[in-house]
């Protein structure tokens, strides 16, 4: 991912509304994100964050109080609230589920009116935060820790554990937008909403990404705004295009659920998009156009620049038109590259062909193939216990590659498409990639082997990445916590394992080495340049032929699991 913006959320002091919360003694950290290399310990994070706004909760220590800040923001998706209604920010951490703060409207929806967070949602969001950080170019706001409280509360007559989610503080486009439906409560001492935006928008240039643009003090404010919003639009384009190619759906995109750096946040409904979960054209259209609120946030910000910064209306409109144009262009390119990766073509090759006619035709073909095959899946269970789903499009992708091989070694089905010209388009593009591969020393045979591995892994997803199964697993985990039958590290291990399982299916290879298998103790790659496998463990690294790998599998369950995952393609390596 790109380097983060340099200014912290605390720099936007006009957005922060102070409130007091009481120390919660009966609390325990059940997840601590060691991947983030925090300088604090889990106990220190708990000491700083285990606070709740009083609500007749048992376990509060009344004299031990701390000041937190509610974040004012606007945009769509917040109803009549004035910003984050159940969050608290202490200058370093952002705590979700702290209670009902001053920004909750009197008529807020029930899920936010009580200011609480279910343990189930905290775990779900922590998992998907890690997955999105693996899968998408600008990642997601990640959970630093989950704190389990002693409180249980009712939702729809069902009792739930209450948790606090400690997250990375995130600046959002919504911080620079009006909350048009929000009415300050009587007696409120903080400024009118338009005054907040008027002050915040003056600092916008300090938060926007600039990527390929060089920005210094000599550059005018209008140019900085244009370059920054254009860079942000291109980041959103890459983020949402790759999400679509990898079939990841956020489901609650809004100006307050995307970051000013390009990432996502608030992932309690994020999942893999399939026909089983989303059944009609409206669902697909919503998925395909899920980026719309993010792009619209740029339109609104451009308007507020006109309204509060003195930028002319024409300049404001032009800033947005430029950003929207760059979004469209970058989205189309990134989606094409993403779909080609799903078809087995490495991004290292396709990025070098993106200005050619064959790339354009191949892009159109793959979009048609995806539309025809839809998002249907079939259940897969390997002989060694891997369980998940394979998208039906895998059959077509393998069949087209088989057609290009033109020999009896092909393990895929024969192509049964209705339009023979599809095969011609595919073959021309395949031959262009082969020509590129040969120039860097990769033989056609090795390229094909790498492609078979890629198609197999990228068209499969583990069961727990699908909402129904992940919800059930988290429910079981919560029940084990209630019964005290879960070991202390149980939640930590569960989150880490589910997130890690997504790597194989959702992380594109960034070299000519194709990842075959990856776990905490073993990594197997297929190196196309040398046509061999590289096995890496804590103890050693070995370069092996397929025959050697097969011999080793008899005494190594993980290698055996890897071979069973790809059991249909190993005839290519004999």
Foldseek 3Di string as FASTA:
>chain_A
DDDAFDDAPVVLVLFWDKDKWFAAQQKDWQAAPCVVVDPDDRVVVNVVPRTAHDDPDPRTDVVHMDMWIFGAFAWPDQAQFRHQQQWTHDPWKIKAARFGDQRADPPGDPVPNGSWDFPLLLLLQQLVQLQQQQFADQGEWHFRTKMWGPDWDDDPNDITTTIMTITGDFAFLRQLFARVNYDRDPPDDRDDRLVSNLVVLVCVLSRFDQVPDDDDPVDDPLVSLLRRLLVLLLLLLRRLLSCVLLQKAQPRDARNQAGSSNYGHDRSPIFGDACVVPPDPVSVVCSVCVSVRVLVSLLRSLVSCVVNVVDPPVSSVVSSVSSVVSNVVSNLLSNLLSNVLLLQQASVQLVVCVVDPLSVVLSVLSVVLCVVQPRHWDWDAFPLGFTWIFRPSLLQSLQLLLVLVPDDLRLGDHHDDPDPVSSVSSNVVLVSSQVVCVVVQFHSLLSSLSSLLSNLQQRIAGHCSHVVVVSVVSVVVSVCVVVVNADSNRSNVVSVVNSVRSNRHRHGDPDQWRWQDDDPAWTWTQRRNVRWIWIDGPVDIDTGQVVVLVVVCVVPSRSVVSCRSSVSNCSSRD
